[in-house]
Amino acid sequence: MSVVVAKVKALNRQLDQISCLEPIESDAAIDSTSSLYLSYLNASLSILSAPAYTTLPLHEIARLIVEVNQAKLQEPEQVTQSNYAKELEWLFLARCTVDVYACLLEQLFQQTLPLAQDIFYWDSVLSQPSWRLLFLLQSLDLSNLG
């Protein structure tokens, strides 16, 4: 699991570096406080990039995406097509993608962990000489001996 957490943290750091290189500036013609879409984007980004952040479940990520999309449909085109909105949307989708990636990696890890434990068990069994001898006797083809 630490591999998943480390990978997600590295991706989030990269996203932070990208967003810090060029701070997103609001267009003068767009009032970001009166736009429901931009406020949803900002709120969702703050949820996704909180410092003490744990990966959200997939249904929460889907809920955030649906809420932002519904707010986008109600906004005028000049707001949704502004550079500020596009940059926020790109950052929001990148964060959602990283979180979905983290969820999928976590599920994959949780599903393969029992298999790995079984492999270690059988490796320890087969590393004992008495079990190797039993395996040899069971797999011996007796029809070729006679």
N, C-alpha and C. Protein backbone atom coordinates (compact mmCIF):
# COMPACT_ATOMS: atom_id res chain seq x y z
N MET A 1 0.82 -1.18 0.00
CA MET A 1 0.00 0.00 0.00
C MET A 1 0.87 1.25 0.00
N SER A 2 2.03 1.18 0.60
CA SER A 2 2.90 2.36 0.62
C SER A 2 3.37 2.74 -0.77
N VAL A 3 3.42 1.76 -1.66
CA VAL A 3 3.78 2.04 -3.05
C VAL A 3 2.72 2.92 -3.69
N VAL A 4 1.46 2.60 -3.44
CA VAL A 4 0.35 3.37 -3.99
C VAL A 4 0.37 4.79 -3.44
N VAL A 5 0.54 4.91 -2.14
CA VAL A 5 0.56 6.23 -1.50
C VAL A 5 1.73 7.05 -2.02
N ALA A 6 2.89 6.45 -2.17
CA ALA A 6 4.05 7.17 -2.66
C ALA A 6 3.85 7.64 -4.10
N LYS A 7 3.27 6.78 -4.93
CA LYS A 7 3.03 7.14 -6.33
C LYS A 7 2.03 8.30 -6.44
N VAL A 8 0.96 8.23 -5.65
CA VAL A 8 -0.06 9.29 -5.68
C VAL A 8 0.52 10.60 -5.16
N LYS A 9 1.31 10.53 -4.11
CA LYS A 9 1.92 11.76 -3.58
C LYS A 9 2.87 12.37 -4.60
N ALA A 10 3.61 11.53 -5.32
CA ALA A 10 4.52 12.05 -6.34
C ALA A 10 3.75 12.73 -7.46
N LEU A 11 2.64 12.12 -7.89
CA LEU A 11 1.83 12.74 -8.94
C LEU A 11 1.20 14.04 -8.46
N ASN A 12 0.75 14.07 -7.21
CA ASN A 12 0.18 15.31 -6.66
C ASN A 12 1.23 16.40 -6.54
N ARG A 13 2.46 16.04 -6.18
CA ARG A 13 3.53 17.03 -6.12
C ARG A 13 3.81 17.61 -7.51
N GLN A 14 3.79 16.74 -8.51
CA GLN A 14 4.00 17.22 -9.87
C GLN A 14 2.88 18.18 -10.29
N LEU A 15 1.64 17.86 -9.92
CA LEU A 15 0.54 18.77 -10.23
C LEU A 15 0.69 20.09 -9.49
N ASP A 16 1.15 20.02 -8.24
CA ASP A 16 1.38 21.26 -7.48
C ASP A 16 2.46 22.11 -8.14
N GLN A 17 3.51 21.45 -8.63
CA GLN A 17 4.59 22.19 -9.29
C GLN A 17 4.09 22.84 -10.57
N ILE A 18 3.26 22.13 -11.31
CA ILE A 18 2.72 22.70 -12.55
C ILE A 18 1.84 23.90 -12.24
N SER A 19 0.99 23.77 -11.24
CA SER A 19 0.08 24.87 -10.93
C SER A 19 0.81 26.04 -10.28
N CYS A 20 1.97 25.79 -9.67
CA CYS A 20 2.73 26.88 -9.05
C CYS A 20 3.61 27.61 -10.06
N LEU A 21 3.97 26.94 -11.15
CA LEU A 21 4.82 27.59 -12.14
C LEU A 21 4.14 28.82 -12.74
N GLU A 22 2.89 28.64 -13.10
CA GLU A 22 2.12 29.74 -13.66
C GLU A 22 0.84 29.86 -12.85
N PRO A 23 0.80 30.77 -11.88
CA PRO A 23 -0.42 30.90 -11.09
C PRO A 23 -1.60 31.27 -12.00
N ILE A 24 -2.72 30.67 -11.70
CA ILE A 24 -3.91 30.91 -12.51
C ILE A 24 -4.50 32.25 -12.12
N GLU A 25 -4.59 33.13 -13.09
CA GLU A 25 -5.13 34.45 -12.84
C GLU A 25 -6.51 34.54 -13.47
N SER A 26 -7.43 35.13 -12.72
CA SER A 26 -8.79 35.28 -13.20
C SER A 26 -8.85 36.38 -14.25
N ASP A 27 -9.66 36.14 -15.27
CA ASP A 27 -9.86 37.17 -16.29
C ASP A 27 -10.56 38.37 -15.66
N ALA A 28 -10.27 39.53 -16.16
CA ALA A 28 -10.86 40.75 -15.61
C ALA A 28 -12.37 40.79 -15.85
N ALA A 29 -12.81 40.23 -16.97
CA ALA A 29 -14.23 40.27 -17.30
C ALA A 29 -15.05 39.23 -16.54
N ILE A 30 -14.37 38.26 -15.92
CA ILE A 30 -15.06 37.17 -15.23
C ILE A 30 -14.98 37.41 -13.73
N ASP A 31 -16.15 37.40 -13.08
CA ASP A 31 -16.19 37.51 -11.62
C ASP A 31 -16.30 36.09 -11.07
N SER A 32 -15.20 35.59 -10.54
CA SER A 32 -15.17 34.19 -10.10
C SER A 32 -16.00 33.95 -8.85
N THR A 33 -16.33 35.00 -8.11
CA THR A 33 -17.13 34.80 -6.90
C THR A 33 -18.61 34.64 -7.20
N SER A 34 -19.07 35.20 -8.32
CA SER A 34 -20.49 35.10 -8.65
C SER A 34 -20.80 33.88 -9.52
N SER A 35 -19.80 33.20 -10.02
CA SER A 35 -20.00 32.05 -10.87
C SER A 35 -20.07 30.77 -10.04
N LEU A 36 -21.20 30.08 -10.15
CA LEU A 36 -21.37 28.82 -9.43
C LEU A 36 -20.38 27.77 -9.93
N TYR A 37 -20.15 27.75 -11.22
CA TYR A 37 -19.23 26.80 -11.83
C TYR A 37 -17.81 26.98 -11.30
N LEU A 38 -17.34 28.21 -11.29
CA LEU A 38 -15.98 28.48 -10.81
C LEU A 38 -15.85 28.23 -9.32
N SER A 39 -16.90 28.51 -8.58
CA SER A 39 -16.84 28.24 -7.13
C SER A 39 -16.83 26.73 -6.87
N TYR A 40 -17.60 25.94 -7.67
CA TYR A 40 -17.54 24.48 -7.55
C TYR A 40 -16.16 23.95 -7.92
N LEU A 41 -15.59 24.50 -8.97
CA LEU A 41 -14.24 24.07 -9.36
C LEU A 41 -13.24 24.35 -8.25
N ASN A 42 -13.28 25.56 -7.69
CA ASN A 42 -12.36 25.91 -6.60
C ASN A 42 -12.58 25.05 -5.37
N ALA A 43 -13.84 24.82 -5.01
CA ALA A 43 -14.13 23.99 -3.84
C ALA A 43 -13.68 22.55 -4.05
N SER A 44 -13.94 22.03 -5.25
CA SER A 44 -13.53 20.65 -5.55
C SER A 44 -12.01 20.51 -5.55
N LEU A 45 -11.33 21.52 -6.09
CA LEU A 45 -9.86 21.50 -6.07
C LEU A 45 -9.33 21.55 -4.65
N SER A 46 -9.96 22.31 -3.80
CA SER A 46 -9.49 22.37 -2.41
C SER A 46 -9.73 21.05 -1.69
N ILE A 47 -10.81 20.35 -2.04
CA ILE A 47 -11.06 19.02 -1.45
C ILE A 47 -10.01 18.03 -1.94
N LEU A 48 -9.74 18.07 -3.24
CA LEU A 48 -8.81 17.10 -3.83
C LEU A 48 -7.36 17.36 -3.47
N SER A 49 -7.01 18.59 -3.12
CA SER A 49 -5.60 18.89 -2.86
C SER A 49 -5.35 19.29 -1.41
N ALA A 50 -6.19 18.83 -0.51
CA ALA A 50 -5.99 19.11 0.91
C ALA A 50 -4.72 18.42 1.39
N PRO A 51 -3.95 19.06 2.30
CA PRO A 51 -2.68 18.48 2.74
C PRO A 51 -2.84 17.15 3.48
N ALA A 52 -3.81 17.05 4.36
CA ALA A 52 -4.02 15.80 5.11
C ALA A 52 -5.01 14.94 4.36
N TYR A 53 -4.78 14.78 3.11
CA TYR A 53 -5.73 14.21 2.19
C TYR A 53 -5.54 12.71 2.06
N THR A 54 -6.62 11.99 2.14
CA THR A 54 -6.62 10.57 1.80
C THR A 54 -7.41 10.42 0.51
N THR A 55 -7.14 9.39 -0.21
CA THR A 55 -7.79 9.20 -1.50
C THR A 55 -9.29 9.06 -1.32
N LEU A 56 -10.03 9.83 -2.09
CA LEU A 56 -11.49 9.74 -2.05
C LEU A 56 -11.94 8.46 -2.73
N PRO A 57 -13.07 7.90 -2.27
CA PRO A 57 -13.61 6.75 -2.99
C PRO A 57 -14.11 7.17 -4.38
N LEU A 58 -14.24 6.20 -5.26
CA LEU A 58 -14.63 6.50 -6.64
C LEU A 58 -15.98 7.20 -6.74
N HIS A 59 -16.92 6.84 -5.86
CA HIS A 59 -18.24 7.48 -5.96
C HIS A 59 -18.18 8.95 -5.55
N GLU A 60 -17.27 9.31 -4.67
CA GLU A 60 -17.11 10.72 -4.29
C GLU A 60 -16.48 11.52 -5.44
N ILE A 61 -15.52 10.92 -6.11
CA ILE A 61 -14.90 11.59 -7.26
C ILE A 61 -15.94 11.78 -8.36
N ALA A 62 -16.75 10.75 -8.60
CA ALA A 62 -17.81 10.85 -9.61
C ALA A 62 -18.81 11.93 -9.22
N ARG A 63 -19.14 12.02 -7.93
CA ARG A 63 -20.08 13.04 -7.47
C ARG A 63 -19.53 14.43 -7.72
N LEU A 64 -18.24 14.64 -7.43
CA LEU A 64 -17.63 15.94 -7.69
C LEU A 64 -17.67 16.29 -9.17
N ILE A 65 -17.36 15.33 -10.01
CA ILE A 65 -17.37 15.57 -11.46
C ILE A 65 -18.78 15.92 -11.94
N VAL A 66 -19.78 15.21 -11.44
CA VAL A 66 -21.17 15.47 -11.85
C VAL A 66 -21.60 16.86 -11.39
N GLU A 67 -21.26 17.24 -10.16
CA GLU A 67 -21.64 18.56 -9.66
C GLU A 67 -20.99 19.67 -10.47
N VAL A 68 -19.72 19.52 -10.76
CA VAL A 68 -19.02 20.54 -11.56
C VAL A 68 -19.61 20.60 -12.97
N ASN A 69 -19.91 19.44 -13.54
CA ASN A 69 -20.47 19.42 -14.89
C ASN A 69 -21.86 20.06 -14.93
N GLN A 70 -22.69 19.80 -13.93
CA GLN A 70 -24.01 20.42 -13.88
C GLN A 70 -23.91 21.94 -13.72
N ALA A 71 -22.95 22.37 -12.92
CA ALA A 71 -22.76 23.82 -12.77
C ALA A 71 -22.25 24.43 -14.07
N LYS A 72 -21.43 23.69 -14.79
CA LYS A 72 -20.89 24.20 -16.06
C LYS A 72 -22.01 24.38 -17.09
N LEU A 73 -22.97 23.46 -17.10
CA LEU A 73 -24.07 23.55 -18.07
C LEU A 73 -24.95 24.77 -17.83
N GLN A 74 -24.95 25.30 -16.60
CA GLN A 74 -25.80 26.45 -16.28
C GLN A 74 -25.09 27.78 -16.46
N GLU A 75 -23.81 27.75 -16.77
CA GLU A 75 -23.04 28.99 -16.92
C GLU A 75 -23.07 29.49 -18.35
N PRO A 76 -22.95 30.80 -18.53
CA PRO A 76 -22.84 31.33 -19.89
C PRO A 76 -21.51 30.91 -20.52
N GLU A 77 -21.47 30.90 -21.82
CA GLU A 77 -20.30 30.42 -22.55
C GLU A 77 -19.07 31.29 -22.29
N GLN A 78 -19.24 32.57 -22.05
CA GLN A 78 -18.07 33.42 -21.83
C GLN A 78 -17.34 33.03 -20.54
N VAL A 79 -18.06 32.49 -19.57
CA VAL A 79 -17.41 32.04 -18.34
C VAL A 79 -16.70 30.71 -18.56
N THR A 80 -17.38 29.76 -19.20
CA THR A 80 -16.80 28.43 -19.38
C THR A 80 -15.66 28.42 -20.39
N GLN A 81 -15.62 29.38 -21.30
CA GLN A 81 -14.56 29.43 -22.31
C GLN A 81 -13.41 30.35 -21.92
N SER A 82 -13.47 30.94 -20.74
CA SER A 82 -12.38 31.82 -20.32
C SER A 82 -11.13 30.99 -20.00
N ASN A 83 -9.99 31.62 -20.09
CA ASN A 83 -8.73 30.94 -19.79
C ASN A 83 -8.69 30.47 -18.34
N TYR A 84 -9.21 31.30 -17.46
CA TYR A 84 -9.24 30.96 -16.03
C TYR A 84 -10.04 29.68 -15.81
N ALA A 85 -11.22 29.58 -16.40
CA ALA A 85 -12.06 28.39 -16.24
C ALA A 85 -11.40 27.17 -16.86
N LYS A 86 -10.78 27.34 -18.01
CA LYS A 86 -10.11 26.22 -18.67
C LYS A 86 -8.95 25.69 -17.84
N GLU A 87 -8.17 26.60 -17.25
CA GLU A 87 -7.04 26.18 -16.42
C GLU A 87 -7.52 25.47 -15.16
N LEU A 88 -8.56 26.02 -14.52
CA LEU A 88 -9.12 25.37 -13.34
C LEU A 88 -9.70 24.00 -13.68
N GLU A 89 -10.38 23.92 -14.82
CA GLU A 89 -10.96 22.65 -15.24
C GLU A 89 -9.87 21.62 -15.53
N TRP A 90 -8.79 22.05 -16.18
CA TRP A 90 -7.69 21.14 -16.46
C TRP A 90 -7.09 20.60 -15.16
N LEU A 91 -6.87 21.50 -14.21
CA LEU A 91 -6.30 21.09 -12.93
C LEU A 91 -7.25 20.16 -12.17
N PHE A 92 -8.53 20.47 -12.21
CA PHE A 92 -9.54 19.63 -11.55
C PHE A 92 -9.55 18.22 -12.17
N LEU A 93 -9.56 18.14 -13.49
CA LEU A 93 -9.58 16.84 -14.15
C LEU A 93 -8.28 16.06 -13.91
N ALA A 94 -7.16 16.77 -13.84
CA ALA A 94 -5.89 16.10 -13.54
C ALA A 94 -5.92 15.52 -12.13
N ARG A 95 -6.42 16.28 -11.18
CA ARG A 95 -6.52 15.77 -9.80
C ARG A 95 -7.48 14.58 -9.72
N CYS A 96 -8.59 14.66 -10.42
CA CYS A 96 -9.54 13.53 -10.43
C CYS A 96 -8.89 12.29 -11.06
N THR A 97 -8.14 12.50 -12.12
CA THR A 97 -7.46 11.38 -12.78
C THR A 97 -6.46 10.72 -11.84
N VAL A 98 -5.71 11.51 -11.12
CA VAL A 98 -4.75 10.96 -10.16
C VAL A 98 -5.47 10.18 -9.07
N ASP A 99 -6.59 10.70 -8.60
CA ASP A 99 -7.33 10.00 -7.55
C ASP A 99 -7.96 8.70 -8.05
N VAL A 100 -8.47 8.70 -9.27
CA VAL A 100 -9.01 7.47 -9.84
C VAL A 100 -7.88 6.45 -10.01
N TYR A 101 -6.74 6.92 -10.47
CA TYR A 101 -5.55 6.06 -10.60
C TYR A 101 -5.18 5.46 -9.24
N ALA A 102 -5.23 6.27 -8.20
CA ALA A 102 -4.91 5.78 -6.85
C ALA A 102 -5.92 4.74 -6.39
N CYS A 103 -7.19 4.97 -6.66
CA CYS A 103 -8.22 4.00 -6.28
C CYS A 103 -8.02 2.67 -7.01
N LEU A 104 -7.73 2.75 -8.29
CA LEU A 104 -7.51 1.53 -9.06
C LEU A 104 -6.27 0.78 -8.59
N LEU A 105 -5.20 1.51 -8.32
CA LEU A 105 -3.99 0.86 -7.79
C LEU A 105 -4.25 0.21 -6.44
N GLU A 106 -5.01 0.90 -5.60
CA GLU A 106 -5.32 0.35 -4.27
C GLU A 106 -6.15 -0.92 -4.39
N GLN A 107 -7.15 -0.91 -5.28
CA GLN A 107 -7.97 -2.10 -5.47
C GLN A 107 -7.15 -3.26 -6.03
N LEU A 108 -6.28 -2.96 -6.97
CA LEU A 108 -5.41 -3.98 -7.53
C LEU A 108 -4.49 -4.56 -6.46
N PHE A 109 -3.95 -3.68 -5.63
CA PHE A 109 -3.08 -4.13 -4.54
C PHE A 109 -3.85 -5.02 -3.57
N GLN A 110 -5.06 -4.62 -3.19
CA GLN A 110 -5.85 -5.39 -2.23
C GLN A 110 -6.26 -6.75 -2.80
N GLN A 111 -6.47 -6.82 -4.11
CA GLN A 111 -6.86 -8.09 -4.73
C GLN A 111 -5.69 -9.03 -4.94
N THR A 112 -4.49 -8.49 -5.13
CA THR A 112 -3.33 -9.35 -5.37
C THR A 112 -2.61 -9.71 -4.08
N LEU A 113 -2.88 -9.02 -3.00
CA LEU A 113 -2.20 -9.31 -1.73
C LEU A 113 -2.45 -10.75 -1.25
N PRO A 114 -3.69 -11.25 -1.27
CA PRO A 114 -3.87 -12.65 -0.85
C PRO A 114 -3.10 -13.63 -1.74
N LEU A 115 -3.03 -13.36 -3.03
CA LEU A 115 -2.28 -14.22 -3.93
C LEU A 115 -0.80 -14.23 -3.57
N ALA A 116 -0.26 -13.07 -3.25
CA ALA A 116 1.14 -12.98 -2.85
C ALA A 116 1.39 -13.74 -1.55
N GLN A 117 0.43 -13.67 -0.62
CA GLN A 117 0.58 -14.40 0.63
C GLN A 117 0.56 -15.90 0.40
N ASP A 118 -0.28 -16.35 -0.54
CA ASP A 118 -0.30 -17.78 -0.88
C ASP A 118 1.01 -18.21 -1.51
N ILE A 119 1.56 -17.38 -2.36
CA ILE A 119 2.84 -17.71 -2.99
C ILE A 119 3.93 -17.85 -1.94
N PHE A 120 3.96 -16.94 -0.97
CA PHE A 120 4.96 -17.04 0.10
C PHE A 120 4.76 -18.29 0.94
N TYR A 121 3.51 -18.68 1.18
CA TYR A 121 3.23 -19.88 1.95
C TYR A 121 3.76 -21.11 1.22
N TRP A 122 3.41 -21.25 -0.07
CA TRP A 122 3.84 -22.42 -0.81
C TRP A 122 5.35 -22.42 -1.03
N ASP A 123 5.94 -21.28 -1.12
CA ASP A 123 7.39 -21.21 -1.23
C ASP A 123 8.05 -21.72 0.05
N SER A 124 7.49 -21.36 1.19
CA SER A 124 8.06 -21.84 2.45
C SER A 124 7.83 -23.34 2.62
N VAL A 125 6.70 -23.85 2.13
CA VAL A 125 6.44 -25.29 2.22
C VAL A 125 7.41 -26.05 1.33
N LEU A 126 7.57 -25.58 0.10
CA LEU A 126 8.43 -26.30 -0.84
C LEU A 126 9.91 -26.12 -0.55
N SER A 127 10.27 -25.19 0.28
CA SER A 127 11.68 -25.02 0.60
C SER A 127 12.15 -26.01 1.67
N GLN A 128 11.22 -26.74 2.29
CA GLN A 128 11.60 -27.75 3.28
C GLN A 128 11.91 -29.07 2.55
N PRO A 129 13.01 -29.73 2.91
CA PRO A 129 13.43 -30.95 2.20
C PRO A 129 12.40 -32.08 2.24
N SER A 130 11.70 -32.23 3.34
CA SER A 130 10.72 -33.33 3.43
C SER A 130 9.58 -33.13 2.44
N TRP A 131 9.14 -31.92 2.25
CA TRP A 131 8.07 -31.63 1.29
C TRP A 131 8.58 -31.78 -0.15
N ARG A 132 9.82 -31.46 -0.38
CA ARG A 132 10.39 -31.65 -1.72
C ARG A 132 10.42 -33.14 -2.07
N LEU A 133 10.81 -33.97 -1.11
CA LEU A 133 10.84 -35.42 -1.34
C LEU A 133 9.45 -35.94 -1.63
N LEU A 134 8.45 -35.48 -0.87
CA LEU A 134 7.08 -35.90 -1.11
C LEU A 134 6.63 -35.48 -2.51
N PHE A 135 6.95 -34.28 -2.91
CA PHE A 135 6.59 -33.80 -4.25
C PHE A 135 7.27 -34.66 -5.32
N LEU A 136 8.53 -35.00 -5.10
CA LEU A 136 9.26 -35.83 -6.05
C LEU A 136 8.61 -37.20 -6.18
N LEU A 137 8.24 -37.80 -5.06
CA LEU A 137 7.60 -39.12 -5.10
C LEU A 137 6.23 -39.07 -5.78
N GLN A 138 5.48 -37.99 -5.52
CA GLN A 138 4.15 -37.89 -6.13
C GLN A 138 4.23 -37.62 -7.63
N SER A 139 5.25 -36.95 -8.06
CA SER A 139 5.34 -36.62 -9.49
C SER A 139 6.20 -37.60 -10.28
N LEU A 140 6.70 -38.65 -9.62
CA LEU A 140 7.53 -39.64 -10.28
C LEU A 140 6.68 -40.49 -11.21
N ASP A 141 7.13 -40.67 -12.44
CA ASP A 141 6.40 -41.48 -13.42
C ASP A 141 6.88 -42.92 -13.28
N LEU A 142 6.06 -43.75 -12.66
CA LEU A 142 6.42 -45.12 -12.38
C LEU A 142 6.31 -46.03 -13.60
N SER A 143 5.65 -45.60 -14.65
CA SER A 143 5.48 -46.46 -15.84
C SER A 143 6.80 -46.59 -16.59
N ASN A 144 7.70 -45.64 -16.46
CA ASN A 144 9.00 -45.73 -17.15
C ASN A 144 10.02 -46.55 -16.38
N LEU A 145 9.74 -46.90 -15.14
CA LEU A 145 10.70 -47.65 -14.34
C LEU A 145 10.70 -49.14 -14.69
N GLY A 146 9.60 -49.66 -15.10
CA GLY A 146 9.47 -51.11 -15.32
C GLY A 146 9.70 -51.51 -16.68
